[in-house]
Amino acid sequence: MGQSERQAARARVTAVPRTILLADDSVTIRKVVELTFSDTDIRVESVGSGREALDRIAALQPDLVLADVVMPGPSGYEVCRAVKQSSHPVPVLLLTGTFEPFDPKQAVACGSDGHVTKPFDSRSLVERVEGLLTRGSVPPAPARPPEPAAPHADEIEAMFDALADEAPKAAIEAPVAPEEPPSAVGAPALSPGDIDAIATAVVARLSERVLREIAWDVVPDLAEVIVRERLKELERGERESG
């Protein structure tokens, strides 16, 4: 064995394994984070609620905690506060969804080391975690220049109202067919073509960034539904074959 091989072997033996405890109720997010760190020397242990996180912390003794601010059981803020007040305080990064409420004051009050907004860039997350593991708890990185804010729910609703008003007057004022029930008299009648036109206008008015953020929120939920249904099918198959 050459000198370089002996040095590499000693490094593997003496390397101290590092562990992240991830608390997030999304199966998809947990899988994404696990895959993000699969090519590193950082091990990810994940749980689906704040209560599970608090139950695991003492035994696991993680080097860093990732906690979703909105999840069953204690919130990410409460998990962070418990970690910081424990006998083994470690860095804590809060996770927040694009359309989830985030309270900067609570984040500071609980002692968090910053937050990460989903969707996140995998490489940036690894670098952020590596930096905290190397330096320990540090103040959050300087905020990036503000990006155009995504439309709030009431703004989106107002957009749809405005687009409905812009629908062809001929469709809105179209006479009601005699066979329709009396309750439908006077109701706006939109054809499939009118609906398609409104949908197209909505997409045109939304920025690409907003569409990506909406997709990030919707696709994980759909993926979880598909995964859960597939697991149920497999369980039924095992019971029938047994």
Protein backbone atom coordinates (compact mmCIF):
# COMPACT_ATOMS: atom_id res chain seq x y z
CA MET A 1 0.00 0.00 0.00
CA GLY A 2 1.45 3.35 -1.07
CA GLN A 3 1.72 6.42 1.15
CA SER A 4 -1.26 8.16 -0.45
CA GLU A 5 -3.42 5.06 0.03
CA ARG A 6 -2.38 4.80 3.70
CA GLN A 7 -3.25 8.47 4.23
CA ALA A 8 -6.66 7.98 2.60
CA ALA A 9 -7.33 4.93 4.77
CA ARG A 10 -6.37 6.83 7.95
CA ALA A 11 -8.65 9.69 6.89
CA ARG A 12 -11.57 7.29 6.51
CA VAL A 13 -10.93 5.76 9.92
CA THR A 14 -10.48 9.04 11.74
CA ALA A 15 -13.28 10.91 9.94
CA VAL A 16 -16.08 11.83 12.33
CA PRO A 17 -19.48 11.08 10.80
CA ARG A 18 -21.84 14.06 10.75
CA THR A 19 -25.58 13.76 11.09
CA ILE A 20 -28.48 16.00 10.16
CA LEU A 21 -31.89 15.60 11.73
CA LEU A 22 -34.56 16.67 9.23
CA ALA A 23 -38.10 17.32 10.49
CA ASP A 24 -40.64 17.84 7.69
CA ASP A 25 -44.10 16.35 7.17
CA SER A 26 -43.58 16.11 3.40
CA VAL A 27 -42.37 12.68 2.27
CA THR A 28 -41.11 14.24 -0.95
CA ILE A 29 -39.08 16.95 0.77
CA ARG A 30 -37.50 14.36 3.07
CA LYS A 31 -36.51 12.28 0.05
CA VAL A 32 -35.15 15.35 -1.79
CA VAL A 33 -32.94 16.29 1.17
CA GLU A 34 -31.73 12.71 1.60
CA LEU A 35 -30.77 12.57 -2.08
CA THR A 36 -29.14 16.00 -1.85
CA PHE A 37 -26.66 14.73 0.75
CA SER A 38 -26.29 11.19 -0.62
CA ASP A 39 -22.96 12.07 -2.29
CA THR A 40 -21.53 13.69 0.85
CA ASP A 41 -20.24 12.35 4.15
CA ILE A 42 -23.30 13.78 5.92
CA ARG A 43 -25.97 11.33 7.06
CA VAL A 44 -29.61 12.45 7.05
CA GLU A 45 -32.10 11.11 9.59
CA SER A 46 -35.63 12.31 8.84
CA VAL A 47 -38.88 12.43 10.78
CA GLY A 48 -42.34 13.67 9.88
CA SER A 49 -43.33 15.83 12.85
CA GLY A 50 -41.99 18.16 15.51
CA ARG A 51 -42.83 15.63 18.24
CA GLU A 52 -40.79 12.92 16.52
CA ALA A 53 -37.90 15.37 16.18
CA LEU A 54 -37.90 16.20 19.89
CA ASP A 55 -38.09 12.48 20.74
CA ARG A 56 -35.09 11.68 18.53
CA ILE A 57 -32.76 14.56 19.35
CA ALA A 58 -31.46 13.26 22.69
CA ALA A 59 -30.56 9.82 21.38
CA LEU A 60 -29.36 10.92 17.94
CA GLN A 61 -27.27 13.91 19.05
CA PRO A 62 -27.33 15.46 15.55
CA ASP A 63 -24.75 17.97 14.37
CA LEU A 64 -27.42 20.13 12.71
CA VAL A 65 -31.21 20.30 12.55
CA LEU A 66 -33.41 21.20 9.58
CA ALA A 67 -36.94 21.97 10.79
CA ASP A 68 -40.02 22.90 8.76
CA VAL A 69 -41.79 25.88 10.30
CA VAL A 70 -45.24 24.39 9.51
CA MET A 71 -45.65 20.72 10.43
CA PRO A 72 -47.65 18.54 12.84
CA GLY A 73 -46.69 18.74 16.48
CA PRO A 74 -44.39 21.47 17.71
CA SER A 75 -43.53 23.91 14.90
CA GLY A 76 -40.05 24.40 13.55
CA TYR A 77 -39.68 27.48 15.75
CA GLU A 78 -40.46 25.41 18.86
CA VAL A 79 -38.12 22.62 17.80
CA CYS A 80 -35.37 25.19 17.26
CA ARG A 81 -35.97 26.74 20.69
CA ALA A 82 -35.80 23.31 22.35
CA VAL A 83 -32.51 22.51 20.57
CA LYS A 84 -30.94 25.83 21.53
CA GLN A 85 -32.00 25.46 25.19
CA SER A 86 -30.79 21.84 25.43
CA SER A 87 -27.47 20.61 26.79
CA HIS A 88 -26.38 19.95 23.19
CA PRO A 89 -27.20 23.10 21.19
CA VAL A 90 -26.40 22.80 17.49
CA PRO A 91 -27.07 24.91 14.39
CA VAL A 92 -30.70 24.96 13.26
CA LEU A 93 -31.93 25.94 9.80
CA LEU A 94 -35.65 26.53 9.38
CA LEU A 95 -37.43 25.35 6.23
CA THR A 96 -40.33 27.34 4.82
CA GLY A 97 -42.49 26.95 1.73
CA THR A 98 -42.87 29.74 -0.80
CA PHE A 99 -46.52 30.25 0.11
CA GLU A 100 -46.24 29.35 3.81
CA PRO A 101 -46.25 32.07 6.45
CA PHE A 102 -42.77 32.83 7.84
CA ASP A 103 -42.23 34.98 10.93
CA PRO A 104 -38.72 36.52 10.99
CA LYS A 105 -39.24 37.70 14.58
CA GLN A 106 -40.02 34.18 15.76
CA ALA A 107 -37.01 32.89 13.83
CA VAL A 108 -34.72 35.31 15.66
CA ALA A 109 -36.40 34.73 19.03
CA CYS A 110 -35.95 30.95 18.86
CA GLY A 111 -32.25 31.35 17.98
CA SER A 112 -32.28 29.91 14.47
CA ASP A 113 -29.20 30.13 12.28
CA GLY A 114 -31.22 31.19 9.25
CA HIS A 115 -33.88 29.75 7.00
CA VAL A 116 -34.13 28.07 3.60
CA THR A 117 -37.06 28.66 1.28
CA LYS A 118 -38.44 25.77 -0.73
CA PRO A 119 -37.76 25.31 -3.59
CA PHE A 120 -34.08 25.35 -2.74
CA ASP A 121 -30.98 24.78 -4.85
CA SER A 122 -29.37 21.51 -3.76
CA ARG A 123 -25.80 22.77 -4.06
CA SER A 124 -26.60 25.92 -2.09
CA LEU A 125 -28.20 23.86 0.67
CA VAL A 126 -25.14 21.61 0.94
CA GLU A 127 -22.83 24.64 1.06
CA ARG A 128 -25.00 26.30 3.71
CA VAL A 129 -25.02 23.19 5.86
CA GLU A 130 -21.29 22.57 5.38
CA GLY A 131 -20.56 26.13 6.46
CA LEU A 132 -22.61 25.80 9.64
CA LEU A 133 -21.09 22.43 10.48
CA THR A 134 -17.61 23.87 10.04
CA ARG A 135 -18.12 27.16 11.89
CA GLY A 136 -20.92 26.23 14.26
CA SER A 137 -23.91 28.50 14.84
CA VAL A 138 -23.50 31.80 13.02
CA PRO A 139 -25.86 34.64 12.16
CA PRO A 140 -27.85 34.12 8.96
CA ALA A 141 -26.17 35.05 5.70
CA PRO A 142 -26.90 38.57 4.41
CA ALA A 143 -30.22 38.72 2.66
CA ARG A 144 -30.20 38.67 -1.13
CA PRO A 145 -31.63 41.60 -3.07
CA PRO A 146 -35.41 41.33 -2.90
CA GLU A 147 -37.06 39.48 -5.75
CA PRO A 148 -40.43 40.39 -7.21
CA ALA A 149 -42.98 39.12 -4.72
CA ALA A 150 -45.27 36.32 -5.76
CA PRO A 151 -48.88 37.40 -5.93
CA HIS A 152 -50.79 36.96 -2.69
CA ALA A 153 -53.89 34.79 -2.69
CA ASP A 154 -56.23 37.79 -2.72
CA GLU A 155 -54.28 39.33 -5.61
CA ILE A 156 -54.67 36.14 -7.63
CA GLU A 157 -58.39 36.07 -6.85
CA ALA A 158 -58.69 39.69 -7.98
CA MET A 159 -56.89 38.76 -11.19
CA PHE A 160 -59.43 36.04 -11.93
CA ASP A 161 -62.29 38.46 -11.19
CA ALA A 162 -60.82 40.99 -13.63
CA LEU A 163 -60.35 38.34 -16.30
CA ALA A 164 -63.93 37.16 -15.84
CA ASP A 165 -65.10 40.73 -16.41
CA GLU A 166 -63.10 40.78 -19.64
CA ALA A 167 -64.84 37.67 -21.00
CA PRO A 168 -66.72 38.25 -24.27
CA LYS A 169 -69.90 40.19 -23.62
CA ALA A 170 -71.69 38.04 -26.12
CA ALA A 171 -71.10 35.01 -23.91
CA ILE A 172 -72.18 36.80 -20.74
CA GLU A 173 -75.28 38.26 -22.35
CA ALA A 174 -76.17 35.12 -24.28
CA PRO A 175 -79.87 34.16 -23.95
CA VAL A 176 -80.60 31.22 -21.75
CA ALA A 177 -81.91 28.13 -23.51
CA PRO A 178 -85.56 27.30 -22.61
CA GLU A 179 -84.67 23.84 -21.33
CA GLU A 180 -82.32 25.20 -18.62
CA PRO A 181 -83.79 25.31 -15.10
CA PRO A 182 -85.19 28.67 -13.92
CA SER A 183 -82.38 29.02 -11.36
CA ALA A 184 -79.89 29.41 -14.23
CA VAL A 185 -81.68 32.44 -15.73
CA GLY A 186 -79.40 35.47 -15.74
CA ALA A 187 -76.23 33.46 -14.94
CA PRO A 188 -73.18 34.17 -17.14
CA ALA A 189 -72.75 31.48 -19.79
CA LEU A 190 -69.09 30.89 -20.64
CA SER A 191 -68.22 28.53 -23.46
CA PRO A 192 -65.23 26.16 -23.28
CA GLY A 193 -63.44 28.55 -25.63
CA ASP A 194 -64.02 31.45 -23.23
CA ILE A 195 -62.65 29.40 -20.31
CA ASP A 196 -59.56 28.45 -22.33
CA ALA A 197 -59.01 32.10 -23.20
CA ILE A 198 -59.21 33.11 -19.54
CA ALA A 199 -56.78 30.33 -18.53
CA THR A 200 -54.35 31.42 -21.25
CA ALA A 201 -54.53 35.02 -20.04
CA VAL A 202 -53.82 33.94 -16.46
CA VAL A 203 -50.70 32.00 -17.50
CA ALA A 204 -49.51 34.94 -19.60
CA ARG A 205 -49.81 37.30 -16.64
CA LEU A 206 -47.91 35.05 -14.24
CA SER A 207 -44.12 35.25 -14.31
CA GLU A 208 -41.99 32.19 -14.95
CA ARG A 209 -40.66 32.34 -11.38
CA VAL A 210 -44.16 32.24 -9.93
CA LEU A 211 -45.07 29.29 -12.14
CA ARG A 212 -42.00 27.40 -10.93
CA GLU A 213 -42.94 28.11 -7.31
CA ILE A 214 -46.51 26.93 -7.85
CA ALA A 215 -45.18 23.77 -9.52
CA TRP A 216 -42.87 23.12 -6.55
CA ASP A 217 -45.83 23.29 -4.16
CA VAL A 218 -48.17 21.22 -6.32
CA VAL A 219 -45.86 18.52 -7.71
CA PRO A 220 -44.60 17.24 -4.31
CA ASP A 221 -48.19 16.86 -3.12
CA LEU A 222 -49.11 14.92 -6.26
CA ALA A 223 -46.00 12.78 -5.89
CA GLU A 224 -46.91 11.94 -2.30
CA VAL A 225 -50.42 10.90 -3.34
CA ILE A 226 -49.00 8.63 -6.04
CA VAL A 227 -46.43 7.09 -3.65
CA ARG A 228 -49.02 6.46 -0.94
CA GLU A 229 -51.45 4.86 -3.41
CA ARG A 230 -48.67 2.65 -4.76
CA LEU A 231 -47.74 1.53 -1.24
CA LYS A 232 -51.37 0.65 -0.56
CA GLU A 233 -51.45 -1.41 -3.76
CA LEU A 234 -48.31 -3.28 -2.73
CA GLU A 235 -49.73 -3.95 0.75
CA ARG A 236 -52.96 -5.28 -0.75
CA GLY A 237 -50.96 -7.49 -3.10
CA GLU A 238 -48.91 -8.91 -0.22
CA ARG A 239 -52.06 -9.67 1.80
CA GLU A 240 -53.72 -11.40 -1.16
CA SER A 241 -50.62 -13.43 -2.02
CA GLY A 242 -50.20 -14.39 1.64
